[in-house]
PDB file of N, CA and C in Angstrom:
ATOM      1  N   MET A   1       0.708  -1.330  -0.127  1.00  0.00           N
ATOM      2  CA  MET A   1      -0.061  -0.185  -0.281  1.00  0.00           C
ATOM      3  C   MET A   1       0.974   1.877   0.197  1.00  0.00           C
ATOM      4  N   LYS A   2       1.803   1.049   0.536  1.00  0.00           N
ATOM      5  CA  LYS A   2       2.749   2.223   0.841  1.00  0.00           C
ATOM      6  C   LYS A   2       3.584   3.015  -0.176  1.00  0.00           C
ATOM      7  N   THR A   3       3.560   1.529  -1.213  1.00  0.00           N
ATOM      8  CA  THR A   3       4.400   1.467  -2.683  1.00  0.00           C
ATOM      9  C   THR A   3       3.655   2.502  -3.619  1.00  0.00           C
ATOM     10  N   ILE A   4       2.445   2.179  -3.390  1.00  0.00           N
ATOM     11  CA  ILE A   4       1.311   2.057  -4.116  1.00  0.00           C
ATOM     12  C   ILE A   4       0.975   4.059  -3.934  1.00  0.00           C
ATOM     13  N   ILE A   5       1.056   4.542  -2.684  1.00  0.00           N
ATOM     14  CA  ILE A   5       0.842   5.896  -2.924  1.00  0.00           C
ATOM     15  C   ILE A   5       1.980   6.640  -2.705  1.00  0.00           C
ATOM     16  N   THR A   6       3.339   5.767  -2.569  1.00  0.00           N
ATOM     17  CA  THR A   6       4.349   6.902  -2.888  1.00  0.00           C
ATOM     18  C   THR A   6       4.570   7.174  -4.520  1.00  0.00           C
ATOM     19  N   LEU A   7       3.876   5.918  -5.107  1.00  0.00           N
ATOM     20  CA  LEU A   7       4.258   6.003  -6.409  1.00  0.00           C
ATOM     21  C   LEU A   7       3.804   6.821  -7.065  1.00  0.00           C
ATOM     22  N   ILE A   8       1.689   6.620  -6.712  1.00  0.00           N
ATOM     23  CA  ILE A   8       0.680   7.981  -7.077  1.00  0.00           C
ATOM     24  C   ILE A   8       1.454   9.321  -7.118  1.00  0.00           C
ATOM     25  N   PHE A   9       2.216   9.767  -5.617  1.00  0.00           N
ATOM     26  CA  PHE A   9       2.616  11.220  -5.252  1.00  0.00           C
ATOM     27  C   PHE A   9       3.788  11.736  -6.526  1.00  0.00           C
ATOM     28  N   VAL A  10       4.875  10.301  -6.219  1.00  0.00           N
ATOM     29  CA  VAL A  10       5.525  10.744  -7.686  1.00  0.00           C
ATOM     30  C   VAL A  10       5.523  11.172  -8.510  1.00  0.00           C
ATOM     31  N   LEU A  11       4.260  10.606  -9.220  1.00  0.00           N
ATOM     32  CA  LEU A  11       3.688  10.591 -10.702  1.00  0.00           C
ATOM     33  C   LEU A  11       2.839  12.216 -10.631  1.00  0.00           C
ATOM     34  N   PHE A  12       1.870  12.141  -9.544  1.00  0.00           N
ATOM     35  CA  PHE A  12       0.886  13.582  -9.367  1.00  0.00           C
ATOM     36  C   PHE A  12       2.341  14.885  -9.923  1.00  0.00           C
ATOM     37  N   ILE A  13       3.868  14.552  -8.786  1.00  0.00           N
ATOM     38  CA  ILE A  13       4.427  15.224  -8.542  1.00  0.00           C
ATOM     39  C   ILE A  13       5.442  16.053 -10.131  1.00  0.00           C
ATOM     40  N   GLY A  14       5.491  14.959 -10.787  1.00  0.00           N
ATOM     41  CA  GLY A  14       5.550  15.023 -12.566  1.00  0.00           C
ATOM     42  C   GLY A  14       5.118  15.803 -13.296  1.00  0.00           C
ATOM     43  N   VAL A  15       3.492  15.186 -12.941  1.00  0.00           N
ATOM     44  CA  VAL A  15       2.741  15.938 -14.010  1.00  0.00           C
ATOM     45  C   VAL A  15       2.325  17.363 -13.356  1.00  0.00           C
ATOM     46  N   THR A  16       2.649  17.768 -11.953  1.00  0.00           N
ATOM     47  CA  THR A  16       2.304  18.885 -12.139  1.00  0.00           C
ATOM     48  C   THR A  16       3.541  19.835 -12.759  1.00  0.00           C
ATOM     49  N   ALA A  17       4.422  19.479 -11.951  1.00  0.00           N
ATOM     50  CA  ALA A  17       5.904  19.704 -12.840  1.00  0.00           C
ATOM     51  C   ALA A  17       6.495  20.006 -14.397  1.00  0.00           C
ATOM     52  N   GLN A  18       5.441  19.414 -14.728  1.00  0.00           N
ATOM     53  CA  GLN A  18       5.395  19.403 -16.478  1.00  0.00           C
ATOM     54  C   GLN A  18       4.695  20.322 -16.885  1.00  0.00           C
ATOM     55  N   ALA A  19       3.176  20.367 -16.179  1.00  0.00           N
ATOM     56  CA  ALA A  19       1.909  21.250 -16.068  1.00  0.00           C
ATOM     57  C   ALA A  19       1.777  22.745 -16.281  1.00  0.00           C
ATOM     58  N   GLN A  20       3.510  23.229 -15.856  1.00  0.00           N
ATOM     59  CA  GLN A  20       3.804  24.604 -15.677  1.00  0.00           C
ATOM     60  C   GLN A  20       3.993  25.534 -17.102  1.00  0.00           C
ATOM     61  N   ASP A  21       3.346  26.829 -17.507  1.00  0.00           N
ATOM     62  CA  ASP A  21       3.511  27.252 -18.415  1.00  0.00           C
ATOM     63  C   ASP A  21       5.026  27.830 -17.950  1.00  0.00           C
ATOM     64  N   ALA A  22       5.846  27.647 -18.491  1.00  0.00           N
ATOM     65  CA  ALA A  22       7.209  28.277 -18.721  1.00  0.00           C
ATOM     66  C   ALA A  22       7.251  28.565 -19.906  1.00  0.00           C
ATOM     67  N   LYS A  23       6.809  30.250 -20.202  1.00  0.00           N
ATOM     68  CA  LYS A  23       7.001  31.233 -21.429  1.00  0.00           C
ATOM     69  C   LYS A  23       7.466  32.468 -20.727  1.00  0.00           C
ATOM     70  N   ASN A  24       8.465  32.416 -19.896  1.00  0.00           N
ATOM     71  CA  ASN A  24       9.662  33.728 -19.917  1.00  0.00           C
ATOM     72  C   ASN A  24      10.527  34.165 -21.012  1.00  0.00           C
ATOM     73  N   GLU A  25       9.542  35.158 -21.987  1.00  0.00           N
ATOM     74  CA  GLU A  25      10.572  35.485 -22.777  1.00  0.00           C
ATOM     75  C   GLU A  25      11.404  36.739 -22.249  1.00  0.00           C
ATOM     76  N   THR A  26      12.454  36.896 -22.249  1.00  0.00           N
ATOM     77  CA  THR A  26      13.312  38.422 -21.487  1.00  0.00           C
ATOM     78  C   THR A  26      13.359  39.004 -22.719  1.00  0.00           C
ATOM     79  N   LYS A  27      13.938  39.657 -23.258  1.00  0.00           N
ATOM     80  CA  LYS A  27      14.541  40.896 -24.046  1.00  0.00           C
ATOM     81  C   LYS A  27      15.910  41.274 -23.382  1.00  0.00           C
ATOM     82  N   VAL A  28      16.797  41.595 -24.394  1.00  0.00           N
ATOM     83  CA  VAL A  28      18.585  41.623 -24.062  1.00  0.00           C
ATOM     84  C   VAL A  28      18.048  43.257 -25.241  1.00  0.00           C
ATOM     85  N   ASP A  29      18.640  43.987 -24.538  1.00  0.00           N
ATOM     86  CA  ASP A  29      19.204  44.963 -25.130  1.00  0.00           C
ATOM     87  C   ASP A  29      20.879  44.923 -25.702  1.00  0.00           C
ATOM     88  N   THR A  30      21.118  45.037 -27.002  1.00  0.00           N
ATOM     89  CA  THR A  30      22.222  44.133 -27.377  1.00  0.00           C
ATOM     90  C   THR A  30      23.284  45.937 -27.069  1.00  0.00           C
ATOM     91  N   VAL A  31      23.875  46.112 -26.862  1.00  0.00           N
ATOM     92  CA  VAL A  31      25.416  47.161 -26.330  1.00  0.00           C
ATOM     93  C   VAL A  31      26.478  46.832 -27.620  1.00  0.00           C
ATOM     94  N   GLU A  32      27.041  47.872 -28.152  1.00  0.00           N
ATOM     95  CA  GLU A  32      27.955  47.951 -29.422  1.00  0.00           C
ATOM     96  C   GLU A  32      28.966  48.257 -28.766  1.00  0.00           C
ATOM     97  N   ILE A  33      30.221  47.944 -28.678  1.00  0.00           N
ATOM     98  CA  ILE A  33      31.377  48.205 -28.350  1.00  0.00           C
ATOM     99  C   ILE A  33      32.763  48.568 -29.052  1.00  0.00           C
ATOM    100  N   THR A  34      33.084  49.485 -29.385  1.00  0.00           N
ATOM    101  CA  THR A  34      34.635  49.615 -30.013  1.00  0.00           C
ATOM    102  C   THR A  34      35.696  49.963 -29.019  1.00  0.00           C
ATOM    103  N   VAL A  35      36.888  48.679 -29.305  1.00  0.00           N
ATOM    104  CA  VAL A  35      37.981  48.611 -29.276  1.00  0.00           C
ATOM    105  C   VAL A  35      39.211  48.841 -29.886  1.00  0.00           C
ATOM    106  N   GLU A  36      40.052  50.045 -29.246  1.00  0.00           N
ATOM    107  CA  GLU A  36      40.770  50.807 -30.683  1.00  0.00           C
ATOM    108  C   GLU A  36      42.017  49.749 -30.111  1.00  0.00           C
ATOM    109  N   VAL A  37      42.976  49.146 -31.091  1.00  0.00           N
ATOM    110  CA  VAL A  37      44.749  48.935 -30.436  1.00  0.00           C
ATOM    111  C   VAL A  37      45.839  49.503 -30.849  1.00  0.00           C
ATOM    112  N   SER A  38      46.264  50.129 -30.026  1.00  0.00           N
ATOM    113  CA  SER A  38      47.766  50.383 -30.711  1.00  0.00           C
ATOM    114  C   SER A  38      48.642  49.877 -30.611  1.00  0.00           C
ATOM    115  N   GLU A  39      49.361  49.983 -31.982  1.00  0.00           N
ATOM    116  CA  GLU A  39      50.433  48.570 -31.910  1.00  0.00           C
ATOM    117  C   GLU A  39      52.054  49.800 -31.216  1.00  0.00           C
ATOM    118  N   ALA A  40      52.245  49.955 -30.488  1.00  0.00           N
ATOM    119  CA  ALA A  40      53.276  50.478 -30.384  1.00  0.00           C
ATOM    120  C   ALA A  40      54.151  49.638 -30.092  1.00  0.00           C
ATOM    121  N   ASN A  41      55.628  49.657 -29.908  1.00  0.00           N
ATOM    122  CA  ASN A  41      57.133  48.799 -30.141  1.00  0.00           C
ATOM    123  C   ASN A  41      57.082  48.895 -28.394  1.00  0.00           C
ATOM    124  N   GLU A  42      56.590  48.171 -27.729  1.00  0.00           N
ATOM    125  CA  GLU A  42      56.858  48.050 -26.276  1.00  0.00           C
ATOM    126  C   GLU A  42      57.572  46.742 -25.838  1.00  0.00           C
ATOM    127  N   ASN A  43      58.390  46.987 -25.252  1.00  0.00           N
ATOM    128  CA  ASN A  43      60.053  46.019 -24.896  1.00  0.00           C
ATOM    129  C   ASN A  43      59.274  45.752 -23.428  1.00  0.00           C
ATOM    130  N   SER A  44      58.434  44.131 -23.515  1.00  0.00           N
ATOM    131  CA  SER A  44      58.041  43.209 -22.230  1.00  0.00           C
ATOM    132  C   SER A  44      58.798  42.482 -21.770  1.00  0.00           C
ATOM    133  N   VAL A  45      59.188  42.029 -20.574  1.00  0.00           N
ATOM    134  CA  VAL A  45      59.917  41.110 -19.877  1.00  0.00           C
ATOM    135  C   VAL A  45      59.537  39.799 -19.924  1.00  0.00           C
ATOM    136  N   ALA A  46      59.507  38.649 -20.356  1.00  0.00           N
ATOM    137  CA  ALA A  46      58.769  37.500 -20.495  1.00  0.00           C
ATOM    138  C   ALA A  46      60.213  36.562 -19.303  1.00  0.00           C
ATOM    139  N   ARG A  47      59.463  36.165 -18.612  1.00  0.00           N
ATOM    140  CA  ARG A  47      59.865  35.038 -17.662  1.00  0.00           C
ATOM    141  C   ARG A  47      60.285  33.802 -17.908  1.00  0.00           C
ATOM    142  N   LEU A  48      61.277  33.113 -18.232  1.00  0.00           N
ATOM    143  CA  LEU A  48      61.543  31.639 -18.435  1.00  0.00           C
ATOM    144  C   LEU A  48      61.251  31.058 -16.514  1.00  0.00           C
ATOM    145  N   TYR A  49      60.608  30.076 -16.890  1.00  0.00           N
ATOM    146  CA  TYR A  49      61.192  28.827 -15.907  1.00  0.00           C
ATOM    147  C   TYR A  49      61.733  27.736 -16.173  1.00  0.00           C
ATOM    148  N   LYS A  50      61.848  26.727 -15.222  1.00  0.00           N
ATOM    149  CA  LYS A  50      62.791  25.766 -15.399  1.00  0.00           C
ATOM    150  C   LYS A  50      61.774  24.597 -15.599  1.00  0.00           C
ATOM    151  N   PHE A  51      61.226  24.305 -15.063  1.00  0.00           N
ATOM    152  CA  PHE A  51      59.884  23.556 -15.260  1.00  0.00           C
ATOM    153  C   PHE A  51      58.510  24.193 -15.552  1.00  0.00           C
ATOM    154  N   LYS A  52      57.927  23.656 -16.393  1.00  0.00           N
ATOM    155  CA  LYS A  52      56.264  24.237 -16.708  1.00  0.00           C
ATOM    156  C   LYS A  52      55.419  24.073 -15.597  1.00  0.00           C
ATOM    157  N   ASN A  53      54.567  25.557 -15.459  1.00  0.00           N
ATOM    158  CA  ASN A  53      53.755  25.134 -14.458  1.00  0.00           C
ATOM    159  C   ASN A  53      54.307  25.163 -12.853  1.00  0.00           C
ATOM    160  N   SER A  54      55.596  25.869 -12.430  1.00  0.00           N
ATOM    161  CA  SER A  54      56.273  24.738 -11.311  1.00  0.00           C
ATOM    162  C   SER A  54      55.225  25.382 -10.269  1.00  0.00           C
ATOM    163  N   LYS A  55      54.609  27.023 -10.166  1.00  0.00           N
ATOM    164  CA  LYS A  55      53.943  27.385  -9.695  1.00  0.00           C
ATOM    165  C   LYS A  55      53.061  26.290  -9.208  1.00  0.00           C
ATOM    166  N   ILE A  56      52.210  26.438 -10.251  1.00  0.00           N
ATOM    167  CA  ILE A  56      50.412  25.902 -10.459  1.00  0.00           C
ATOM    168  C   ILE A  56      51.420  24.176  -9.344  1.00  0.00           C
ATOM    169  N   LYS A  57      52.677  23.648  -9.909  1.00  0.00           N
ATOM    170  CA  LYS A  57      52.177  22.540  -9.244  1.00  0.00           C
ATOM    171  C   LYS A  57      52.726  22.937  -7.641  1.00  0.00           C
ATOM    172  N   LYS A  58      53.442  23.342  -7.422  1.00  0.00           N
ATOM    173  CA  LYS A  58      53.978  23.635  -5.590  1.00  0.00           C
ATOM    174  C   LYS A  58      53.094  24.133  -5.203  1.00  0.00           C
ATOM    175  N   ALA A  59      51.668  24.819  -5.322  1.00  0.00           N
ATOM    176  CA  ALA A  59      50.506  24.994  -5.271  1.00  0.00           C
ATOM    177  C   ALA A  59      49.282  24.066  -4.509  1.00  0.00           C
ATOM    178  N   LEU A  60      49.818  23.009  -5.802  1.00  0.00           N
ATOM    179  CA  LEU A  60      48.654  21.748  -5.441  1.00  0.00           C
ATOM    180  C   LEU A  60      49.426  20.420  -4.370  1.00  0.00           C
ATOM    181  N   SER A  61      50.243  20.619  -3.975  1.00  0.00           N
ATOM    182  CA  SER A  61      51.069  19.818  -3.618  1.00  0.00           C
ATOM    183  C   SER A  61      51.169  20.096  -2.214  1.00  0.00           C
ATOM    184  N   PHE A  62      50.474  20.459  -1.542  1.00  0.00           N
ATOM    185  CA  PHE A  62      50.861  21.009  -0.156  1.00  0.00           C
ATOM    186  C   PHE A  62      50.193  20.031   0.231  1.00  0.00           C
ATOM    187  N   THR A  63      50.608  19.493   1.634  1.00  0.00           N
ATOM    188  CA  THR A  63      50.015  18.854   2.437  1.00  0.00           C
ATOM    189  C   THR A  63      49.695  19.074   3.727  1.00  0.00           C
ATOM    190  N   THR A  64      48.845  18.514   4.376  1.00  0.00           N
ATOM    191  CA  THR A  64      48.231  18.937   6.154  1.00  0.00           C
ATOM    192  C   THR A  64      48.178  18.024   6.946  1.00  0.00           C
ATOM    193  N   LYS A  65      48.402  18.291   8.481  1.00  0.00           N
ATOM    194  CA  LYS A  65      48.712  17.602   9.615  1.00  0.00           C
ATOM    195  C   LYS A  65      47.554  16.468   8.813  1.00  0.00           C
ATOM    196  N   ALA A  66      46.151  16.793   8.578  1.00  0.00           N
ATOM    197  CA  ALA A  66      45.535  15.719   8.004  1.00  0.00           C
ATOM    198  C   ALA A  66      45.627  14.636   7.396  1.00  0.00           C
ATOM    199  N   ASN A  67      46.264  15.138   6.346  1.00  0.00           N
ATOM    200  CA  ASN A  67      47.081  13.944   5.508  1.00  0.00           C
ATOM    201  C   ASN A  67      47.973  13.331   5.479  1.00  0.00           C
ATOM    202  N   LYS A  68      48.494  13.194   7.044  1.00  0.00           N
ATOM    203  CA  LYS A  68      49.737  12.701   7.229  1.00  0.00           C
ATOM    204  C   LYS A  68      49.017  11.612   7.879  1.00  0.00           C
ATOM    205  N   SER A  69      49.733   9.684   7.660  1.00  0.00           N
ATOM    206  CA  SER A  69      49.349   9.101   8.292  1.00  0.00           C
ATOM    207  C   SER A  69      49.464   8.598   9.987  1.00  0.00           C
ATOM    208  N   LYS A  70      47.987   8.076  10.378  1.00  0.00           N
ATOM    209  CA  LYS A  70      48.785   8.257  12.619  1.00  0.00           C
ATOM    210  C   LYS A  70      48.872   6.827  12.817  1.00  0.00           C
ATOM    211  N   LEU A  71      50.083   5.924  12.872  1.00  0.00           N
ATOM    212  CA  LEU A  71      50.414   5.572  13.627  1.00  0.00           C
ATOM    213  C   LEU A  71      49.733   5.141  14.876  1.00  0.00           C
ATOM    214  N   SER A  72      49.249   3.984  15.045  1.00  0.00           N
ATOM    215  CA  SER A  72      48.683   3.327  16.541  1.00  0.00           C
ATOM    216  C   SER A  72      49.595   2.611  17.222  1.00  0.00           C
TER     217      SER A  72
END
C-alpha cells in the first residue's frame, strides 16, 4: 500500500511540474563597444621557468596535518 501511494505521489508531482507554463521571454538590449588597438613598440620582459607550471604544481602539492597517516 505504501509503495502504491508513493508511486502515485511521484507521478502527481511529475505531472504538475510538466504542466507549469514556462514561457518567460526576456528581451535583452545589445550594446556595441568599439575597441581600439594601438600597436606601439613596447619592450616587455618574459619570465622563463625551468619547469612548466612550477608555481601551480607547488601550490597543488601542499600537505596538511590531516594528510599524514597516524600510527597507532
